[in-house]
Each structure stands twice: as structure tokens, then as C-alpha cells.
C-alpha atoms as a PDB file:
ATOM      1  CA  MET A   1     -91.768 -19.969 -30.252  1.00  0.00           C
ATOM      2  CA  ALA A   2     -91.837 -16.188 -30.563  1.00  0.00           C
ATOM      3  CA  SER A   3     -92.600 -15.758 -26.885  1.00  0.00           C
ATOM      4  CA  HIS A   4     -89.779 -18.194 -26.045  1.00  0.00           C
ATOM      5  CA  LEU A   5     -87.299 -16.108 -28.073  1.00  0.00           C
ATOM      6  CA  ASP A   6     -88.602 -12.943 -26.508  1.00  0.00           C
ATOM      7  CA  LEU A   7     -88.036 -14.443 -23.073  1.00  0.00           C
ATOM      8  CA  GLU A   8     -84.473 -15.436 -23.967  1.00  0.00           C
ATOM      9  CA  GLU A   9     -83.749 -12.005 -25.337  1.00  0.00           C
ATOM     10  CA  GLN A  10     -85.200 -10.417 -22.222  1.00  0.00           C
ATOM     11  CA  GLU A  11     -83.015 -12.594 -20.008  1.00  0.00           C
ATOM     12  CA  GLN A  12     -79.941 -11.657 -22.021  1.00  0.00           C
ATOM     13  CA  LEU A  13     -80.885  -8.029 -21.843  1.00  0.00           C
ATOM     14  CA  ASP A  14     -81.373  -8.262 -18.083  1.00  0.00           C
ATOM     15  CA  GLN A  15     -77.967  -9.942 -17.739  1.00  0.00           C
ATOM     16  CA  LEU A  16     -76.364  -7.261 -19.850  1.00  0.00           C
ATOM     17  CA  LYS A  17     -77.987  -4.527 -17.761  1.00  0.00           C
ATOM     18  CA  HIS A  18     -76.811  -6.216 -14.603  1.00  0.00           C
ATOM     19  CA  PHE A  19     -73.270  -6.591 -15.931  1.00  0.00           C
ATOM     20  CA  TRP A  20     -73.122  -3.001 -17.158  1.00  0.00           C
ATOM     21  CA  GLY A  21     -74.572  -1.726 -13.906  1.00  0.00           C
ATOM     22  CA  LYS A  22     -71.860  -3.534 -12.002  1.00  0.00           C
ATOM     23  CA  PHE A  23     -68.865  -2.964 -14.271  1.00  0.00           C
ATOM     24  CA  GLY A  24     -69.912  -0.229 -16.692  1.00  0.00           C
ATOM     25  CA  ASN A  25     -68.336   2.597 -14.745  1.00  0.00           C
ATOM     26  CA  LEU A  26     -65.063   0.723 -14.434  1.00  0.00           C
ATOM     27  CA  ILE A  27     -65.014  -0.120 -18.148  1.00  0.00           C
ATOM     28  CA  THR A  28     -65.710   3.492 -19.033  1.00  0.00           C
ATOM     29  CA  TRP A  29     -62.798   4.709 -16.910  1.00  0.00           C
ATOM     30  CA  VAL A  30     -60.427   2.077 -18.299  1.00  0.00           C
ATOM     31  CA  LEU A  31     -61.338   3.040 -21.859  1.00  0.00           C
ATOM     32  CA  LEU A  32     -60.912   6.694 -21.002  1.00  0.00           C
ATOM     33  CA  VAL A  33     -57.452   6.079 -19.537  1.00  0.00           C
ATOM     34  CA  VAL A  34     -56.399   3.993 -22.546  1.00  0.00           C
ATOM     35  CA  LEU A  35     -57.675   6.531 -25.059  1.00  0.00           C
ATOM     36  CA  THR A  36     -56.127   9.412 -23.138  1.00  0.00           C
ATOM     37  CA  ALA A  37     -52.781   7.613 -22.970  1.00  0.00           C
ATOM     38  CA  TYR A  38     -52.938   6.847 -26.686  1.00  0.00           C
ATOM     39  CA  ALA A  39     -53.762  10.447 -27.518  1.00  0.00           C
ATOM     40  CA  GLY A  40     -50.998  11.623 -25.196  1.00  0.00           C
ATOM     41  CA  TRP A  41     -48.469   9.289 -26.814  1.00  0.00           C
ATOM     42  CA  ASN A  42     -49.389  10.516 -30.279  1.00  0.00           C
ATOM     43  CA  GLY A  43     -49.173  14.094 -29.059  1.00  0.00           C
ATOM     44  CA  TRP A  44     -45.775  13.455 -27.492  1.00  0.00           C
ATOM     45  CA  GLN A  45     -44.469  11.868 -30.686  1.00  0.00           C
ATOM     46  CA  TYR A  46     -45.686  14.825 -32.732  1.00  0.00           C
ATOM     47  CA  TRP A  47     -44.119  17.269 -30.264  1.00  0.00           C
ATOM     48  CA  GLN A  48     -40.830  15.396 -30.368  1.00  0.00           C
ATOM     49  CA  ARG A  49     -40.757  15.430 -34.166  1.00  0.00           C
ATOM     50  CA  ASP A  50     -41.670  19.116 -34.221  1.00  0.00           C
ATOM     51  CA  GLN A  51     -38.947  19.959 -31.697  1.00  0.00           C
ATOM     52  CA  ALA A  52     -36.349  17.960 -33.618  1.00  0.00           C
ATOM     53  CA  ALA A  53     -37.277  19.608 -36.928  1.00  0.00           C
ATOM     54  CA  LYS A  54     -37.030  23.116 -35.484  1.00  0.00           C
ATOM     55  CA  ALA A  55     -33.804  22.319 -33.636  1.00  0.00           C
ATOM     56  CA  GLY A  56     -32.385  20.865 -36.837  1.00  0.00           C
ATOM     57  CA  GLY A  57     -33.008  24.133 -38.627  1.00  0.00           C
ATOM     58  CA  ILE A  58     -31.078  26.073 -35.984  1.00  0.00           C
ATOM     59  CA  TYR A  59     -28.274  23.507 -36.046  1.00  0.00           C
ATOM     60  CA  ASP A  60     -27.945  24.011 -39.798  1.00  0.00           C
ATOM     61  CA  ALA A  61     -27.467  27.730 -39.154  1.00  0.00           C
ATOM     62  CA  LEU A  62     -24.867  26.882 -36.497  1.00  0.00           C
ATOM     63  CA  GLU A  63     -22.953  24.699 -38.954  1.00  0.00           C
ATOM     64  CA  ARG A  64     -22.925  27.462 -41.551  1.00  0.00           C
ATOM     65  CA  ALA A  65     -21.589  29.929 -38.995  1.00  0.00           C
ATOM     66  CA  ALA A  66     -18.943  27.425 -37.911  1.00  0.00           C
ATOM     67  CA  GLN A  67     -17.780  26.930 -41.497  1.00  0.00           C
ATOM     68  CA  THR A  68     -17.077  30.641 -41.788  1.00  0.00           C
ATOM     69  CA  GLY A  69     -15.338  30.728 -38.409  1.00  0.00           C
ATOM     70  CA  ASP A  70     -17.677  33.420 -37.112  1.00  0.00           C
ATOM     71  CA  ALA A  71     -17.354  32.771 -33.365  1.00  0.00           C
ATOM     72  CA  GLU A  72     -19.714  35.579 -32.403  1.00  0.00           C
ATOM     73  CA  ARG A  73     -22.437  34.235 -34.687  1.00  0.00           C
ATOM     74  CA  VAL A  74     -21.768  30.677 -33.518  1.00  0.00           C
ATOM     75  CA  THR A  75     -22.173  31.657 -29.879  1.00  0.00           C
ATOM     76  CA  LYS A  76     -25.400  33.525 -30.607  1.00  0.00           C
ATOM     77  CA  VAL A  77     -26.959  30.650 -32.580  1.00  0.00           C
ATOM     78  CA  TRP A  78     -25.778  28.099 -30.008  1.00  0.00           C
ATOM     79  CA  ALA A  79     -27.405  30.121 -27.216  1.00  0.00           C
ATOM     80  CA  ASP A  80     -30.668  30.075 -29.189  1.00  0.00           C
ATOM     81  CA  LEU A  81     -30.447  26.312 -29.723  1.00  0.00           C
ATOM     82  CA  GLN A  82     -29.544  25.672 -26.097  1.00  0.00           C
ATOM     83  CA  GLY A  83     -32.298  27.889 -24.753  1.00  0.00           C
ATOM     84  CA  ARG A  84     -35.140  26.711 -26.981  1.00  0.00           C
ATOM     85  CA  TYR A  85     -34.400  23.020 -27.576  1.00  0.00           C
ATOM     86  CA  PRO A  86     -32.054  21.846 -24.799  1.00  0.00           C
ATOM     87  CA  SER A  87     -33.403  18.286 -24.724  1.00  0.00           C
ATOM     88  CA  THR A  88     -32.662  17.478 -28.376  1.00  0.00           C
ATOM     89  CA  ALA A  89     -29.618  15.700 -29.758  1.00  0.00           C
ATOM     90  CA  PHE A  90     -28.965  18.779 -31.882  1.00  0.00           C
ATOM     91  CA  ALA A  91     -28.273  20.768 -28.698  1.00  0.00           C
ATOM     92  CA  GLU A  92     -25.629  18.243 -27.633  1.00  0.00           C
ATOM     93  CA  GLN A  93     -23.991  18.200 -31.062  1.00  0.00           C
ATOM     94  CA  GLY A  94     -24.280  21.960 -31.352  1.00  0.00           C
ATOM     95  CA  GLY A  95     -22.535  22.487 -28.030  1.00  0.00           C
ATOM     96  CA  LEU A  96     -19.539  20.412 -29.095  1.00  0.00           C
ATOM     97  CA  LEU A  97     -19.346  22.226 -32.425  1.00  0.00           C
ATOM     98  CA  ALA A  98     -19.706  25.662 -30.835  1.00  0.00           C
ATOM     99  CA  ALA A  99     -17.011  24.914 -28.253  1.00  0.00           C
ATOM    100  CA  ARG A 100     -14.546  23.926 -30.976  1.00  0.00           C
ATOM    101  CA  VAL A 101     -15.055  27.188 -32.861  1.00  0.00           C
ATOM    102  CA  GLN A 102     -14.925  29.228 -29.658  1.00  0.00           C
ATOM    103  CA  PHE A 103     -11.647  27.609 -28.630  1.00  0.00           C
ATOM    104  CA  ASP A 104     -10.113  27.995 -32.097  1.00  0.00           C
ATOM    105  CA  LYS A 105     -10.911  31.709 -31.930  1.00  0.00           C
ATOM    106  CA  GLY A 106      -9.210  32.126 -28.561  1.00  0.00           C
ATOM    107  CA  GLN A 107     -12.383  32.108 -26.442  1.00  0.00           C
ATOM    108  CA  ALA A 108     -11.257  29.403 -24.024  1.00  0.00           C
ATOM    109  CA  ASP A 109     -13.517  30.472 -21.159  1.00  0.00           C
ATOM    110  CA  THR A 110     -16.572  30.548 -23.391  1.00  0.00           C
ATOM    111  CA  ALA A 111     -15.657  27.153 -24.833  1.00  0.00           C
ATOM    112  CA  ARG A 112     -15.269  25.753 -21.317  1.00  0.00           C
ATOM    113  CA  ALA A 113     -18.719  26.982 -20.291  1.00  0.00           C
ATOM    114  CA  THR A 114     -20.234  25.441 -23.415  1.00  0.00           C
ATOM    115  CA  LEU A 115     -18.569  22.088 -22.794  1.00  0.00           C
ATOM    116  CA  GLU A 116     -19.598  22.119 -19.146  1.00  0.00           C
ATOM    117  CA  TRP A 117     -23.219  22.483 -20.251  1.00  0.00           C
ATOM    118  CA  VAL A 118     -22.934  19.512 -22.619  1.00  0.00           C
ATOM    119  CA  ALA A 119     -21.169  17.404 -19.979  1.00  0.00           C
ATOM    120  CA  ALA A 120     -23.949  18.136 -17.483  1.00  0.00           C
ATOM    121  CA  ASN A 121     -27.011  18.045 -19.745  1.00  0.00           C
ATOM    122  CA  ALA A 122     -26.427  15.736 -22.702  1.00  0.00           C
ATOM    123  CA  LYS A 123     -28.725  12.701 -22.773  1.00  0.00           C
ATOM    124  CA  GLU A 124     -26.265  10.452 -24.616  1.00  0.00           C
ATOM    125  CA  ASP A 125     -23.301   8.981 -22.723  1.00  0.00           C
ATOM    126  CA  GLU A 126     -21.010   9.517 -25.706  1.00  0.00           C
ATOM    127  CA  TYR A 127     -21.705  13.238 -25.882  1.00  0.00           C
ATOM    128  CA  ARG A 128     -21.195  13.672 -22.152  1.00  0.00           C
ATOM    129  CA  ALA A 129     -17.912  11.762 -22.323  1.00  0.00           C
ATOM    130  CA  LEU A 130     -16.698  13.721 -25.350  1.00  0.00           C
ATOM    131  CA  ALA A 131     -17.452  16.977 -23.575  1.00  0.00           C
ATOM    132  CA  ARG A 132     -15.481  15.816 -20.507  1.00  0.00           C
ATOM    133  CA  LEU A 133     -12.514  14.804 -22.662  1.00  0.00           C
ATOM    134  CA  ARG A 134     -12.447  18.163 -24.395  1.00  0.00           C
ATOM    135  CA  LEU A 135     -12.834  19.948 -21.082  1.00  0.00           C
ATOM    136  CA  ALA A 136      -9.877  17.981 -19.783  1.00  0.00           C
ATOM    137  CA  GLY A 137      -7.897  19.218 -22.777  1.00  0.00           C
ATOM    138  CA  LEU A 138      -8.764  22.822 -21.945  1.00  0.00           C
ATOM    139  CA  HIS A 139      -7.735  22.352 -18.315  1.00  0.00           C
ATOM    140  CA  LEU A 140      -4.507  20.664 -19.426  1.00  0.00           C
ATOM    141  CA  GLU A 141      -3.704  23.584 -21.685  1.00  0.00           C
ATOM    142  CA  ALA A 142      -4.366  25.991 -18.800  1.00  0.00           C
ATOM    143  CA  LYS A 143      -2.183  23.872 -16.443  1.00  0.00           C
ATOM    144  CA  ARG A 144      -5.155  22.992 -14.230  1.00  0.00           C
ATOM    145  CA  LEU A 145      -3.902  19.448 -14.049  1.00  0.00           C
ATOM    146  CA  ASP A 146      -5.851  18.148 -11.060  1.00  0.00           C
ATOM    147  CA  GLU A 147      -9.137  19.303 -12.593  1.00  0.00           C
ATOM    148  CA  ALA A 148      -8.156  17.761 -15.917  1.00  0.00           C
ATOM    149  CA  LEU A 149      -7.288  14.416 -14.330  1.00  0.00           C
ATOM    150  CA  LYS A 150     -10.636  14.212 -12.539  1.00  0.00           C
ATOM    151  CA  LEU A 151     -12.462  14.529 -15.853  1.00  0.00           C
ATOM    152  CA  VAL A 152     -10.648  11.558 -17.408  1.00  0.00           C
ATOM    153  CA  SER A 153     -10.767   9.343 -14.327  1.00  0.00           C
ATOM    154  CA  THR A 154     -14.478   8.528 -14.656  1.00  0.00           C
ATOM    155  CA  GLU A 155     -15.921   5.666 -16.677  1.00  0.00           C
ATOM    156  CA  VAL A 156     -16.484   6.348 -20.377  1.00  0.00           C
ATOM    157  CA  PRO A 157     -18.205   4.400 -23.176  1.00  0.00           C
ATOM    158  CA  GLU A 158     -15.978   1.712 -24.684  1.00  0.00           C
ATOM    159  CA  SER A 159     -15.806   3.595 -27.985  1.00  0.00           C
ATOM    160  CA  LEU A 160     -13.997   6.453 -26.226  1.00  0.00           C
ATOM    161  CA  ALA A 161     -11.858   4.413 -23.817  1.00  0.00           C
ATOM    162  CA  ALA A 162      -8.694   4.753 -25.910  1.00  0.00           C
ATOM    163  CA  LEU A 163      -9.009   8.524 -26.229  1.00  0.00           C
ATOM    164  CA  ALA A 164      -9.659   8.857 -22.504  1.00  0.00           C
ATOM    165  CA  ALA A 165      -6.580   6.762 -21.678  1.00  0.00           C
ATOM    166  CA  ASP A 166      -4.444   8.812 -24.054  1.00  0.00           C
ATOM    167  CA  ARG A 167      -5.632  12.091 -22.553  1.00  0.00           C
ATOM    168  CA  ARG A 168      -5.002  10.682 -19.074  1.00  0.00           C
ATOM    169  CA  GLY A 169      -1.455   9.846 -20.165  1.00  0.00           C
ATOM    170  CA  ASP A 170      -0.913  13.428 -21.351  1.00  0.00           C
ATOM    171  CA  ILE A 171      -2.074  14.804 -18.011  1.00  0.00           C
ATOM    172  CA  LEU A 172       0.035  12.370 -15.978  1.00  0.00           C
ATOM    173  CA  GLN A 173       3.063  13.192 -18.110  1.00  0.00           C
ATOM    174  CA  ALA A 174       2.464  16.896 -17.449  1.00  0.00           C
ATOM    175  CA  GLN A 175       2.447  16.031 -13.727  1.00  0.00           C
ATOM    176  CA  SER A 176       5.859  14.349 -14.188  1.00  0.00           C
ATOM    177  CA  LYS A 177       4.346  10.931 -13.444  1.00  0.00           C
ATOM    178  CA  SER A 178       6.049   9.160 -16.317  1.00  0.00           C
ATOM    179  CA  ALA A 179       5.494   5.579 -15.144  1.00  0.00           C
ATOM    180  CA  GLU A 180       1.761   6.163 -14.733  1.00  0.00           C
ATOM    181  CA  ALA A 181       1.679   7.961 -18.067  1.00  0.00           C
ATOM    182  CA  VAL A 182       3.249   4.935 -19.762  1.00  0.00           C
ATOM    183  CA  THR A 183       0.544   2.686 -18.293  1.00  0.00           C
ATOM    184  CA  ALA A 184      -2.185   5.002 -19.601  1.00  0.00           C
ATOM    185  CA  TYR A 185      -0.592   5.243 -23.056  1.00  0.00           C
ATOM    186  CA  GLN A 186      -0.252   1.460 -23.209  1.00  0.00           C
ATOM    187  CA  GLN A 187      -3.958   1.115 -22.445  1.00  0.00           C
ATOM    188  CA  ALA A 188      -4.733   3.560 -25.236  1.00  0.00           C
ATOM    189  CA  TRP A 189      -2.403   1.826 -27.702  1.00  0.00           C
ATOM    190  CA  LYS A 190      -3.892  -1.594 -27.020  1.00  0.00           C
ATOM    191  CA  ALA A 191      -7.462  -0.282 -27.313  1.00  0.00           C
ATOM    192  CA  LEU A 192      -6.861   1.329 -30.705  1.00  0.00           C
ATOM    193  CA  GLY A 193      -7.120  -0.772 -33.856  1.00  0.00           C
ATOM    194  CA  LYS A 194      -3.966  -1.481 -35.848  1.00  0.00           C
ATOM    195  CA  ASP A 195      -5.275   0.487 -38.825  1.00  0.00           C
ATOM    196  CA  VAL A 196      -6.123   3.599 -36.794  1.00  0.00           C
ATOM    197  CA  ASP A 197      -3.700   6.431 -37.586  1.00  0.00           C
ATOM    198  CA  TYR A 198      -4.023   7.843 -34.093  1.00  0.00           C
ATOM    199  CA  ARG A 199      -2.375   4.694 -32.767  1.00  0.00           C
ATOM    200  CA  ARG A 200       0.932   5.819 -34.275  1.00  0.00           C
ATOM    201  CA  LEU A 201       0.762   9.057 -32.301  1.00  0.00           C
ATOM    202  CA  VAL A 202       0.253   7.133 -29.059  1.00  0.00           C
ATOM    203  CA  GLU A 203       3.105   4.839 -30.066  1.00  0.00           C
ATOM    204  CA  ALA A 204       5.367   7.865 -30.553  1.00  0.00           C
ATOM    205  CA  LYS A 205       4.582   9.001 -27.018  1.00  0.00           C
ATOM    206  CA  LEU A 206       5.533   5.582 -25.683  1.00  0.00           C
ATOM    207  CA  VAL A 207       8.762   5.605 -27.690  1.00  0.00           C
ATOM    208  CA  ALA A 208       9.624   9.025 -26.268  1.00  0.00           C
ATOM    209  CA  LEU A 209       9.193   7.556 -22.766  1.00  0.00           C
ATOM    210  CA  GLY A 210      11.358   4.536 -23.588  1.00  0.00           C
ATOM    211  CA  ALA A 211       8.452   2.078 -23.667  1.00  0.00           C
ATOM    212  CA  ALA A 212       8.026   1.259 -27.340  1.00  0.00           C
ATOM    213  CA  PRO A 213       5.253  -1.367 -27.810  1.00  0.00           C
ATOM    214  CA  GLU A 214       7.286  -3.229 -30.463  1.00  0.00           C
ATOM    215  CA  ALA A 215      10.199  -3.617 -28.083  1.00  0.00           C
ATOM    216  CA  GLU A 216       7.891  -5.049 -25.457  1.00  0.00           C
ATOM    217  CA  GLY A 217       6.403  -7.467 -28.008  1.00  0.00           C
ATOM    218  CA  ALA A 218       9.845  -8.613 -29.128  1.00  0.00           C
ATOM    219  CA  ALA A 219      10.897  -9.246 -25.558  1.00  0.00           C
ATOM    220  CA  LYS A 220       8.061 -11.672 -24.901  1.00  0.00           C
END
């Protein structure tokens, strides 16, 4: 009996040796790839969290500078955030915040450069679209109407469609294209919820152009 078991064990051992000799190298490489990928994923997650935490600290400093209206400090902190952590959401948010302060303090060119960076580099569609809308506003203010119109003629996320249509109406009105402006304002008015205060502003623009939404509704 003992010799029989020994023979069975020997056969199993021989089979195992044969199997390992044939596939052992492949198995080793597969395990190595899997373990390396797992370690890399964990490392990437840690790096992402570390980057976000550090970027968040700089963004906090940016917010504090913005609250005091210190445009010089805002620009300096924003440059630090942009240069060190450009791929984080804090960089996108920080750019929009910095541009607002820069514009409020009369630094239109600096604000434009900041918004152009966000429009070109933000990962989120919403941030890119917001940057384009604000850039369009800067161009409108500077009477660069063709450039402004290009920025609001591209597709935007649904959540910003009303604002884009309204800004497009402003630009078209500035170009003396009243009929096209009415169409854009109507799109904005219809896209905004009834309880949204901004809808009344769009309605006022339509009234001023002789296209009051209520009048249209009553006529139907």
C-alpha cells in the first residue's frame, strides 16, 4: 500500500514538474504583470490623492486672497497652482476664480489669459464651457464681436445651454442682428426654469426687442 501511494505521489509530482516546466515561466510573467499593475494602480491612487490635497491647500490660499480682493496675490497664487498642479480640478476652479478677481480689478488682459488657459486645459466640459462663456463676455466688452460669437457658437453642456444662448443674444444684438438675437434669447428663456430669477432678465431683453414671451403665448 505504501509503495502504491508513493508511486501515485511520484506520478503527481512528475506531472506537476512537467506542467511547471511547460507553463511556469508564463505563469510567473502573468503574476508579475498583475502584481506590477496592482502596485502601479495603488501608487497612482496615492499620487492622485496627494496631488489633490496639496492643490486644495493652495486653492484655499487663493480663495482667501480673492475674498480680500488682492489681485496681485491672487495672480501669484493662481500661477503657483497652475504650474504645480495643472491636472487637478482645483486648477480649473482656481482659474475661474482668479479671472473674476483680475477682471474686477481692471486687469482684463490678465483675466483673458487665465480664462484661455482654463478653456484649453480643463478636464471637465463644464469648466471649459464656463471659461469660454466668460471669455466671450470679455470680448463683447472689448467690442471684439466676431471672436465673442465664435466662443458661444460651439456645443456646451445642457446645464449651460441657456447661459450660452443668452450670451449669444447679447453679441448678436451688439452686431445689430436683432432678429437673430430674439431667436437666441427665446432659446435661453425656454431653457431656463420658471423659478429662475435670471429668466426675468432674459424676458426683459425680449420685451425691449418687442418679442415678449407672454404676448407670444397669448397669441397661440
